[in-house]
Amino acid sequence: FERYEKYKQVEQNEAMWEEYMMEDAEICVVAFGIASRVAKNAVVTARAEGIKAGLIRPITLWPFPNEALLKAADQVKGFVSVELSMGQMIEDVRLATQCKKPVSLCNRCGGMIPSPDEVLESLRKAQKGEF
């Protein structure tokens, strides 16, 4: 059981993330790695269109930044998970936010990166309440 105590300490003390334009965000993009660079550009473009988007970029995937996402769930209308996968992180986002808000998926597979336009289109849909 010592191991579980150590895991608990790591989860409490080692989660790392970056927040970008989250101060007044109504939609939160969650993306890590190279997808986060694309997502950040889409957030800037969305802001120019009047969409209050922000980004939470997990730096550590374990421990996942549950605290930051749960806090964001009290602020935003919903989340867009941007991934280079089949949607594995969307489940982590739903768990972290305790399903308080809807989470949509913007993804590409096979080494292809979602374009800023694809992420922006997901943000436009989210702004309309289409998650």
Protein backbone atom coordinates (compact mmCIF):
# COMPACT_ATOMS: atom_id res chain seq x y z
CA PHE A 1 0.00 0.00 0.00
CA GLU A 2 3.05 2.22 0.27
CA ARG A 3 3.09 2.38 -3.50
CA TYR A 4 -0.45 3.82 -3.62
CA GLU A 5 0.52 6.57 -1.18
CA LYS A 6 3.45 7.43 -3.45
CA TYR A 7 1.14 7.52 -6.50
CA LYS A 8 -1.20 9.86 -4.62
CA GLN A 9 1.68 12.21 -3.79
CA VAL A 10 2.83 12.23 -7.41
CA GLU A 11 -0.70 13.02 -8.60
CA GLN A 12 -0.98 15.90 -6.15
CA ASN A 13 2.46 17.41 -6.71
CA GLU A 14 3.73 16.56 -10.17
CA ALA A 15 0.96 17.46 -12.63
CA MET A 16 2.13 20.16 -15.03
CA TRP A 17 0.19 22.21 -17.58
CA GLU A 18 0.13 25.54 -19.38
CA GLU A 19 -2.93 27.77 -19.62
CA TYR A 20 -3.29 30.16 -22.55
CA MET A 21 -6.00 32.84 -22.76
CA MET A 22 -8.13 31.05 -20.16
CA GLU A 23 -8.94 34.15 -18.10
CA ASP A 24 -12.30 34.75 -19.81
CA ALA A 25 -12.55 31.66 -22.02
CA GLU A 26 -15.94 30.18 -22.80
CA ILE A 27 -14.51 27.23 -24.75
CA CYS A 28 -11.42 25.35 -23.64
CA VAL A 29 -9.20 23.51 -26.09
CA VAL A 30 -7.16 20.69 -24.56
CA ALA A 31 -4.14 19.62 -26.59
CA PHE A 32 -0.60 18.42 -25.97
CA GLY A 33 2.55 18.07 -28.01
CA ILE A 34 2.60 19.34 -31.58
CA ALA A 35 -1.21 19.46 -31.64
CA SER A 36 -1.03 22.18 -28.97
CA ARG A 37 0.92 24.48 -31.32
CA VAL A 38 -1.79 24.13 -33.94
CA ALA A 39 -4.48 24.59 -31.29
CA LYS A 40 -2.83 27.74 -29.96
CA ASN A 41 -2.92 29.29 -33.44
CA ALA A 42 -6.59 28.34 -33.76
CA VAL A 43 -7.35 29.96 -30.39
CA VAL A 44 -5.76 33.23 -31.57
CA THR A 45 -7.78 33.16 -34.79
CA ALA A 46 -10.97 32.29 -32.90
CA ARG A 47 -10.40 35.24 -30.57
CA ALA A 48 -10.08 37.51 -33.64
CA GLU A 49 -13.52 36.21 -34.72
CA GLY A 50 -15.01 36.98 -31.31
CA ILE A 51 -14.97 33.41 -30.00
CA LYS A 52 -13.69 33.38 -26.44
CA ALA A 53 -11.45 30.33 -26.68
CA GLY A 54 -8.59 29.31 -24.43
CA LEU A 55 -6.14 26.43 -24.19
CA ILE A 56 -5.02 24.06 -21.48
CA ARG A 57 -1.91 22.20 -22.60
CA PRO A 58 -1.08 19.18 -20.46
CA ILE A 59 2.69 18.97 -20.05
CA THR A 60 2.37 15.75 -18.10
CA LEU A 61 -0.18 13.16 -19.20
CA TRP A 62 0.39 11.28 -15.96
CA PRO A 63 -0.43 12.75 -13.73
CA PHE A 64 -3.07 14.41 -15.86
CA PRO A 65 -3.90 18.05 -14.94
CA ASN A 66 -7.26 17.13 -13.42
CA GLU A 67 -7.32 20.15 -11.12
CA ALA A 68 -6.93 22.67 -13.95
CA LEU A 69 -9.59 21.01 -16.08
CA LEU A 70 -12.08 20.69 -13.24
CA LYS A 71 -11.60 24.38 -12.46
CA ALA A 72 -12.11 25.23 -16.14
CA ALA A 73 -15.33 23.18 -16.18
CA ASP A 74 -16.85 25.71 -13.76
CA GLN A 75 -16.04 28.52 -16.21
CA VAL A 76 -16.48 27.31 -19.79
CA LYS A 77 -19.42 26.07 -21.89
CA GLY A 78 -17.46 23.06 -23.11
CA PHE A 79 -14.19 21.55 -24.24
CA VAL A 80 -12.57 20.56 -27.54
CA SER A 81 -9.98 17.79 -27.29
CA VAL A 82 -7.44 18.12 -30.12
CA GLU A 83 -5.55 14.88 -30.67
CA LEU A 84 -3.29 12.94 -32.99
CA SER A 85 -5.06 9.74 -32.00
CA MET A 86 -8.44 8.02 -32.10
CA GLY A 87 -9.68 10.02 -29.11
CA GLN A 88 -7.91 8.51 -26.13
CA MET A 89 -7.41 11.85 -24.35
CA ILE A 90 -11.08 12.85 -24.66
CA GLU A 91 -11.85 10.21 -22.03
CA ASP A 92 -9.26 11.75 -19.70
CA VAL A 93 -10.80 15.19 -20.22
CA ARG A 94 -14.28 13.83 -19.43
CA LEU A 95 -12.98 12.14 -16.28
CA ALA A 96 -11.06 15.23 -15.16
CA THR A 97 -14.07 17.50 -15.64
CA GLN A 98 -16.42 14.98 -14.01
CA CYS A 99 -18.58 15.26 -17.14
CA LYS A 100 -19.76 18.71 -16.02
CA LYS A 101 -19.54 20.07 -19.58
CA PRO A 102 -19.57 18.55 -23.06
CA VAL A 103 -16.32 17.55 -24.75
CA SER A 104 -15.96 17.28 -28.52
CA LEU A 105 -13.13 15.73 -30.50
CA CYS A 106 -10.99 17.21 -33.24
CA ASN A 107 -8.53 14.54 -34.33
CA ARG A 108 -6.37 13.11 -37.09
CA CYS A 109 -4.57 9.77 -37.18
CA GLY A 110 -1.72 8.18 -39.06
CA GLY A 111 0.81 10.87 -38.25
CA MET A 112 -1.34 13.63 -39.71
CA ILE A 113 -1.73 16.79 -37.65
CA PRO A 114 -5.12 18.54 -37.48
CA SER A 115 -4.88 21.85 -39.33
CA PRO A 116 -5.55 25.16 -37.60
CA ASP A 117 -8.64 25.46 -39.82
CA GLU A 118 -9.98 22.11 -38.59
CA VAL A 119 -9.50 23.16 -34.97
CA LEU A 120 -11.06 26.55 -35.72
CA GLU A 121 -14.09 24.84 -37.28
CA SER A 122 -14.46 22.76 -34.10
CA LEU A 123 -14.35 25.98 -32.07
CA ARG A 124 -16.98 27.57 -34.29
CA LYS A 125 -19.26 24.57 -33.76
CA ALA A 126 -18.63 24.65 -30.01
CA GLN A 127 -19.52 28.35 -29.95
CA LYS A 128 -22.90 27.40 -31.44
CA GLY A 129 -23.31 24.71 -28.78
CA GLU A 130 -22.57 21.86 -31.19
CA PHE A 131 -20.29 19.58 -29.20
